[in-house]
Amino acid sequence: ARDSWRVVEVQVARSAVHLTRGTVGQLEAARGAADLACSAADLTGGNL
């Protein structure tokens, strides 16, 4: 029974890592989009 619990723990840990990586990736993508918007505003003289 202990072995099966260990497998479950490993799977839960892996899914948690995937979830955190996904959210970090989304945050980085949003930050990149914000940077693009800011640079575009600078190029157009802030008329956006």
Protein backbone atom coordinates (compact mmCIF):
# COMPACT_ATOMS: atom_id res chain seq x y z
CA ALA A 1 0.00 0.00 0.00
CA ARG A 2 2.88 2.36 0.73
CA ASP A 3 4.22 2.00 -2.80
CA SER A 4 0.89 3.00 -4.34
CA TRP A 5 0.71 6.04 -2.05
CA ARG A 6 4.21 6.99 -3.14
CA VAL A 7 3.18 6.77 -6.79
CA VAL A 8 0.15 8.97 -6.10
CA GLU A 9 2.34 11.52 -4.31
CA VAL A 10 4.76 11.62 -7.24
CA GLN A 11 1.92 12.12 -9.72
CA VAL A 12 0.40 14.90 -7.62
CA ALA A 13 3.78 16.61 -7.34
CA ARG A 14 4.33 16.36 -11.09
CA SER A 15 0.92 17.82 -11.89
CA ALA A 16 1.56 20.64 -9.41
CA VAL A 17 4.85 21.41 -11.16
CA HIS A 18 3.10 21.44 -14.53
CA LEU A 19 0.41 23.76 -13.16
CA THR A 20 2.94 26.21 -11.74
CA ARG A 21 4.96 26.13 -14.96
CA GLY A 22 1.78 26.84 -16.93
CA THR A 23 0.82 29.83 -14.78
CA VAL A 24 4.38 31.18 -14.89
CA GLY A 25 4.33 30.85 -18.68
CA GLN A 26 1.02 32.72 -18.85
CA LEU A 27 2.38 35.48 -16.63
CA GLU A 28 5.48 35.81 -18.80
CA ALA A 29 3.32 35.90 -21.95
CA ALA A 30 1.11 38.61 -20.43
CA ARG A 31 4.19 40.58 -19.40
CA GLY A 32 5.60 40.26 -22.91
CA ALA A 33 2.31 41.48 -24.40
CA ALA A 34 2.32 44.44 -22.02
CA ASP A 35 5.89 45.27 -23.04
CA LEU A 36 4.87 45.10 -26.71
CA ALA A 37 1.94 47.43 -26.05
CA CYS A 38 4.19 49.89 -24.21
CA SER A 39 6.81 49.89 -26.96
CA ALA A 40 4.08 50.31 -29.60
CA ALA A 41 2.71 53.27 -27.63
CA ASP A 42 6.21 54.77 -27.53
CA LEU A 43 6.60 54.33 -31.29
CA THR A 44 3.28 56.01 -32.04
CA GLY A 45 3.99 58.83 -29.61
CA GLY A 46 1.53 57.55 -27.01
CA ASN A 47 -1.52 58.11 -29.22
CA LEU A 48 -2.90 54.66 -28.37
